[in-house]
């Protein structure tokens, strides 16, 4: 089962955060064979069983989208509450799209629902809770 770990905020969804988790030996890099190219995923280092993780770093790029939604000349520092709301909305939209793709797996003849699980970073049973 691949666990897709949804971040609480854009800062958790950056390549820098992933590098930090790798450096701290929380996760290690793994590769899955896929048509066209190997796909990088991560595994939890100190787990009694194998836990494969995906950290959607593409969400980090949505930070700029949220900033643009604030409006011209408005910065995150000027409107932190509004930025937080936009950040939450962007992450929620990503989750809805991801869950839709997972659910549509039956159409392709593969039941992805048995292979991918969406978890949230802050959940107590999340593999990355506290990091």
Foldseek 3Di string as FASTA:
>chain_A
DEEEEQELFLVCLAVVVVVVCVVVQQWHWDWDDDPPDTDIWIWGRPDPDTYTYDRNSVLNVCLVVLQVVVDPPDGCVNPVPSSSVSRVVSSVVVVVVVVVVQPCCVVVVDNCVVVYHYDYCCDPPDSNHPD
